[in-house]
Amino acid sequence: MLEKMGAIVVASPSAKKVDYMIYTDNGEYKLLEQAEELGIIVIPISRFNRMVLEGDKV
């Protein structure tokens, strides 16, 4: 779904260019703060799962 929106999907947070970050609902909040500071769209996995099931976009 994210690839259809033009994002490149990687499984590692150490990637050089990140557009979206999907995290577990009990994720590491320091990393989330840094992601938001860098303009990365953060999405909790529960919301992402609903998006997939309902066919929504970010």
PDB file of N, CA and C in Angstrom:
ATOM      1  N   MET A   1       0.820  -1.182   0.000  1.00  0.00           N
ATOM      2  CA  MET A   1       0.000   0.000   0.000  1.00  0.00           C
ATOM      3  C   MET A   1       0.872   1.256   0.000  1.00  0.00           C
ATOM      4  N   LEU A   2       1.894   1.288   0.852  1.00  0.00           N
ATOM      5  CA  LEU A   2       2.760   2.460   0.884  1.00  0.00           C
ATOM      6  C   LEU A   2       3.567   2.591  -0.397  1.00  0.00           C
ATOM      7  N   GLU A   3       3.955   1.448  -0.979  1.00  0.00           N
ATOM      8  CA  GLU A   3       4.691   1.500  -2.240  1.00  0.00           C
ATOM      9  C   GLU A   3       3.837   2.118  -3.344  1.00  0.00           C
ATOM     10  N   LYS A   4       2.544   1.858  -3.345  1.00  0.00           N
ATOM     11  CA  LYS A   4       1.645   2.460  -4.323  1.00  0.00           C
ATOM     12  C   LYS A   4       1.564   3.972  -4.146  1.00  0.00           C
ATOM     13  N   MET A   5       1.872   4.446  -2.930  1.00  0.00           N
ATOM     14  CA  MET A   5       1.848   5.870  -2.649  1.00  0.00           C
ATOM     15  C   MET A   5       3.202   6.515  -2.926  1.00  0.00           C
ATOM     16  N   GLY A   6       4.154   5.741  -3.478  1.00  0.00           N
ATOM     17  CA  GLY A   6       5.455   6.287  -3.832  1.00  0.00           C
ATOM     18  C   GLY A   6       6.529   6.110  -2.783  1.00  0.00           C
ATOM     19  N   ALA A   7       6.233   5.393  -1.707  1.00  0.00           N
ATOM     20  CA  ALA A   7       7.220   5.189  -0.649  1.00  0.00           C
ATOM     21  C   ALA A   7       8.050   3.948  -0.945  1.00  0.00           C
ATOM     22  N   ILE A   8       9.280   3.961  -0.473  1.00  0.00           N
ATOM     23  CA  ILE A   8      10.145   2.786  -0.538  1.00  0.00           C
ATOM     24  C   ILE A   8      10.072   2.124   0.825  1.00  0.00           C
ATOM     25  N   VAL A   9       9.779   0.839   0.849  1.00  0.00           N
ATOM     26  CA  VAL A   9       9.587   0.136   2.108  1.00  0.00           C
ATOM     27  C   VAL A   9      10.881  -0.576   2.487  1.00  0.00           C
ATOM     28  N   VAL A  10      11.376  -0.290   3.708  1.00  0.00           N
ATOM     29  CA  VAL A  10      12.554  -0.963   4.254  1.00  0.00           C
ATOM     30  C   VAL A  10      12.219  -1.438   5.656  1.00  0.00           C
ATOM     31  N   ALA A  11      12.904  -2.468   6.100  1.00  0.00           N
ATOM     32  CA  ALA A  11      12.620  -3.028   7.417  1.00  0.00           C
ATOM     33  C   ALA A  11      13.535  -2.471   8.499  1.00  0.00           C
ATOM     34  N   SER A  12      14.423  -1.570   8.146  1.00  0.00           N
ATOM     35  CA  SER A  12      15.396  -1.063   9.100  1.00  0.00           C
ATOM     36  C   SER A  12      15.234   0.434   9.335  1.00  0.00           C
ATOM     37  N   PRO A  13      15.260   0.876  10.596  1.00  0.00           N
ATOM     38  CA  PRO A  13      15.176   2.315  10.861  1.00  0.00           C
ATOM     39  C   PRO A  13      16.456   3.071  10.525  1.00  0.00           C
ATOM     40  N   SER A  14      17.503   2.363  10.112  1.00  0.00           N
ATOM     41  CA  SER A  14      18.768   3.022   9.788  1.00  0.00           C
ATOM     42  C   SER A  14      18.866   3.396   8.310  1.00  0.00           C
ATOM     43  N   ALA A  15      17.778   3.311   7.586  1.00  0.00           N
ATOM     44  CA  ALA A  15      17.786   3.670   6.163  1.00  0.00           C
ATOM     45  C   ALA A  15      18.101   5.156   6.007  1.00  0.00           C
ATOM     46  N   LYS A  16      18.651   5.528   4.872  1.00  0.00           N
ATOM     47  CA  LYS A  16      19.048   6.919   4.655  1.00  0.00           C
ATOM     48  C   LYS A  16      17.862   7.827   4.357  1.00  0.00           C
ATOM     49  N   LYS A  17      16.856   7.338   3.645  1.00  0.00           N
ATOM     50  CA  LYS A  17      15.691   8.158   3.320  1.00  0.00           C
ATOM     51  C   LYS A  17      14.437   7.397   3.749  1.00  0.00           C
ATOM     52  N   VAL A  18      13.692   7.994   4.649  1.00  0.00           N
ATOM     53  CA  VAL A  18      12.494   7.343   5.179  1.00  0.00           C
ATOM     54  C   VAL A  18      11.332   8.302   5.042  1.00  0.00           C
ATOM     55  N   ASP A  19      10.234   7.840   4.450  1.00  0.00           N
ATOM     56  CA  ASP A  19       9.025   8.650   4.303  1.00  0.00           C
ATOM     57  C   ASP A  19       8.005   8.346   5.391  1.00  0.00           C
ATOM     58  N   TYR A  20       7.835   7.055   5.674  1.00  0.00           N
ATOM     59  CA  TYR A  20       6.846   6.601   6.651  1.00  0.00           C
ATOM     60  C   TYR A  20       7.513   5.638   7.614  1.00  0.00           C
ATOM     61  N   MET A  21       7.067   5.651   8.848  1.00  0.00           N
ATOM     62  CA  MET A  21       7.558   4.683   9.821  1.00  0.00           C
ATOM     63  C   MET A  21       6.340   4.068  10.500  1.00  0.00           C
ATOM     64  N   ILE A  22       6.227   2.762  10.410  1.00  0.00           N
ATOM     65  CA  ILE A  22       5.141   2.031  11.054  1.00  0.00           C
ATOM     66  C   ILE A  22       5.733   1.400  12.304  1.00  0.00           C
ATOM     67  N   TYR A  23       5.079   1.628  13.448  1.00  0.00           N
ATOM     68  CA  TYR A  23       5.647   1.156  14.704  1.00  0.00           C
ATOM     69  C   TYR A  23       4.595   0.427  15.521  1.00  0.00           C
ATOM     70  N   THR A  24       5.069  -0.438  16.419  1.00  0.00           N
ATOM     71  CA  THR A  24       4.144  -1.124  17.316  1.00  0.00           C
ATOM     72  C   THR A  24       3.584  -0.107  18.292  1.00  0.00           C
ATOM     73  N   ASP A  25       2.391  -0.327  18.737  1.00  0.00           N
ATOM     74  CA  ASP A  25       1.717   0.638  19.610  1.00  0.00           C
ATOM     75  C   ASP A  25       2.476   0.903  20.909  1.00  0.00           C
ATOM     76  N   ASN A  26       3.359  -0.003  21.289  1.00  0.00           N
ATOM     77  CA  ASN A  26       4.189   0.220  22.477  1.00  0.00           C
ATOM     78  C   ASN A  26       5.631   0.488  22.037  1.00  0.00           C
ATOM     79  N   GLY A  27       5.779   1.243  20.952  1.00  0.00           N
ATOM     80  CA  GLY A  27       7.085   1.493  20.349  1.00  0.00           C
ATOM     81  C   GLY A  27       7.989   2.379  21.171  1.00  0.00           C
ATOM     82  N   GLU A  28       9.232   2.510  20.699  1.00  0.00           N
ATOM     83  CA  GLU A  28      10.241   3.332  21.356  1.00  0.00           C
ATOM     84  C   GLU A  28       9.939   4.800  21.074  1.00  0.00           C
ATOM     85  N   TYR A  29       9.511   5.520  22.066  1.00  0.00           N
ATOM     86  CA  TYR A  29       9.004   6.876  21.851  1.00  0.00           C
ATOM     87  C   TYR A  29      10.086   7.882  21.501  1.00  0.00           C
ATOM     88  N   LYS A  30      11.319   7.676  21.935  1.00  0.00           N
ATOM     89  CA  LYS A  30      12.408   8.585  21.564  1.00  0.00           C
ATOM     90  C   LYS A  30      12.611   8.540  20.049  1.00  0.00           C
ATOM     91  N   LEU A  31      12.566   7.357  19.479  1.00  0.00           N
ATOM     92  CA  LEU A  31      12.709   7.206  18.030  1.00  0.00           C
ATOM     93  C   LEU A  31      11.552   7.888  17.306  1.00  0.00           C
ATOM     94  N   LEU A  32      10.348   7.810  17.867  1.00  0.00           N
ATOM     95  CA  LEU A  32       9.187   8.457  17.260  1.00  0.00           C
ATOM     96  C   LEU A  32       9.347   9.974  17.262  1.00  0.00           C
ATOM     97  N   GLU A  33       9.857  10.526  18.361  1.00  0.00           N
ATOM     98  CA  GLU A  33      10.092  11.969  18.430  1.00  0.00           C
ATOM     99  C   GLU A  33      11.090  12.405  17.366  1.00  0.00           C
ATOM    100  N   GLN A  34      12.162  11.639  17.206  1.00  0.00           N
ATOM    101  CA  GLN A  34      13.176  11.964  16.204  1.00  0.00           C
ATOM    102  C   GLN A  34      12.589  11.875  14.799  1.00  0.00           C
ATOM    103  N   ALA A  35      11.761  10.876  14.567  1.00  0.00           N
ATOM    104  CA  ALA A  35      11.141  10.710  13.254  1.00  0.00           C
ATOM    105  C   ALA A  35      10.265  11.913  12.920  1.00  0.00           C
ATOM    106  N   GLU A  36       9.468  12.354  13.875  1.00  0.00           N
ATOM    107  CA  GLU A  36       8.595  13.505  13.647  1.00  0.00           C
ATOM    108  C   GLU A  36       9.406  14.770  13.409  1.00  0.00           C
ATOM    109  N   GLU A  37      10.525  14.933  14.110  1.00  0.00           N
ATOM    110  CA  GLU A  37      11.397  16.089  13.908  1.00  0.00           C
ATOM    111  C   GLU A  37      11.974  16.107  12.491  1.00  0.00           C
ATOM    112  N   LEU A  38      12.184  14.924  11.926  1.00  0.00           N
ATOM    113  CA  LEU A  38      12.738  14.808  10.573  1.00  0.00           C
ATOM    114  C   LEU A  38      11.663  14.846   9.485  1.00  0.00           C
ATOM    115  N   GLY A  39      10.410  15.002   9.890  1.00  0.00           N
ATOM    116  CA  GLY A  39       9.326  15.079   8.922  1.00  0.00           C
ATOM    117  C   GLY A  39       8.864  13.731   8.402  1.00  0.00           C
ATOM    118  N   ILE A  40       9.165  12.677   9.142  1.00  0.00           N
ATOM    119  CA  ILE A  40       8.748  11.326   8.761  1.00  0.00           C
ATOM    120  C   ILE A  40       7.336  11.100   9.300  1.00  0.00           C
ATOM    121  N   ILE A  41       6.465  10.584   8.480  1.00  0.00           N
ATOM    122  CA  ILE A  41       5.095  10.287   8.901  1.00  0.00           C
ATOM    123  C   ILE A  41       5.123   9.001   9.712  1.00  0.00           C
ATOM    124  N   VAL A  42       4.698   9.076  10.962  1.00  0.00           N
ATOM    125  CA  VAL A  42       4.679   7.898  11.826  1.00  0.00           C
ATOM    126  C   VAL A  42       3.252   7.376  11.936  1.00  0.00           C
ATOM    127  N   ILE A  43       3.114   6.054  11.820  1.00  0.00           N
ATOM    128  CA  ILE A  43       1.797   5.416  11.836  1.00  0.00           C
ATOM    129  C   ILE A  43       1.850   4.226  12.788  1.00  0.00           C
ATOM    130  N   PRO A  44       0.991   4.200  13.809  1.00  0.00           N
ATOM    131  CA  PRO A  44       0.955   3.016  14.681  1.00  0.00           C
ATOM    132  C   PRO A  44       0.429   1.813  13.895  1.00  0.00           C
ATOM    133  N   ILE A  45       0.934   0.642  14.229  1.00  0.00           N
ATOM    134  CA  ILE A  45       0.574  -0.575  13.483  1.00  0.00           C
ATOM    135  C   ILE A  45      -0.929  -0.837  13.538  1.00  0.00           C
ATOM    136  N   SER A  46      -1.591  -0.493  14.632  1.00  0.00           N
ATOM    137  CA  SER A  46      -3.035  -0.717  14.708  1.00  0.00           C
ATOM    138  C   SER A  46      -3.764   0.116  13.652  1.00  0.00           C
ATOM    139  N   ARG A  47      -3.336   1.359  13.463  1.00  0.00           N
ATOM    140  CA  ARG A  47      -3.948   2.206  12.430  1.00  0.00           C
ATOM    141  C   ARG A  47      -3.604   1.692  11.035  1.00  0.00           C
ATOM    142  N   PHE A  48      -2.348   1.273  10.842  1.00  0.00           N
ATOM    143  CA  PHE A  48      -1.933   0.751   9.548  1.00  0.00           C
ATOM    144  C   PHE A  48      -2.743  -0.487   9.176  1.00  0.00           C
ATOM    145  N   ASN A  49      -2.952  -1.370  10.141  1.00  0.00           N
ATOM    146  CA  ASN A  49      -3.751  -2.576   9.880  1.00  0.00           C
ATOM    147  C   ASN A  49      -5.168  -2.209   9.461  1.00  0.00           C
ATOM    148  N   ARG A  50      -5.772  -1.216  10.142  1.00  0.00           N
ATOM    149  CA  ARG A  50      -7.117  -0.759   9.742  1.00  0.00           C
ATOM    150  C   ARG A  50      -7.096  -0.186   8.335  1.00  0.00           C
ATOM    151  N   MET A  51      -6.042   0.571   8.009  1.00  0.00           N
ATOM    152  CA  MET A  51      -5.925   1.157   6.672  1.00  0.00           C
ATOM    153  C   MET A  51      -5.885   0.065   5.610  1.00  0.00           C
ATOM    154  N   VAL A  52      -5.133  -0.992   5.885  1.00  0.00           N
ATOM    155  CA  VAL A  52      -5.027  -2.096   4.927  1.00  0.00           C
ATOM    156  C   VAL A  52      -6.380  -2.778   4.763  1.00  0.00           C
ATOM    157  N   LEU A  53      -7.035  -3.066   5.870  1.00  0.00           N
ATOM    158  CA  LEU A  53      -8.327  -3.763   5.811  1.00  0.00           C
ATOM    159  C   LEU A  53      -9.406  -2.925   5.119  1.00  0.00           C
ATOM    160  N   GLU A  54      -9.355  -1.606   5.321  1.00  0.00           N
ATOM    161  CA  GLU A  54     -10.378  -0.731   4.757  1.00  0.00           C
ATOM    162  C   GLU A  54      -9.972  -0.112   3.423  1.00  0.00           C
ATOM    163  N   GLY A  55      -8.721  -0.325   3.012  1.00  0.00           N
ATOM    164  CA  GLY A  55      -8.251   0.222   1.741  1.00  0.00           C
ATOM    165  C   GLY A  55      -8.028   1.725   1.768  1.00  0.00           C
ATOM    166  N   ASP A  56      -7.753   2.273   2.940  1.00  0.00           N
ATOM    167  CA  ASP A  56      -7.530   3.715   3.095  1.00  0.00           C
ATOM    168  C   ASP A  56      -6.124   4.105   2.674  1.00  0.00           C
ATOM    169  N   LYS A  57      -5.915   5.433   2.582  1.00  0.00           N
ATOM    170  CA  LYS A  57      -4.599   6.003   2.337  1.00  0.00           C
ATOM    171  C   LYS A  57      -4.205   6.840   3.530  1.00  0.00           C
ATOM    172  N   VAL A  58      -2.909   7.137   3.624  1.00  0.00           N
ATOM    173  CA  VAL A  58      -2.396   7.971   4.728  1.00  0.00           C
ATOM    174  C   VAL A  58      -3.000   9.341   4.665  1.00  0.00           C
TER     175      VAL A  58
END
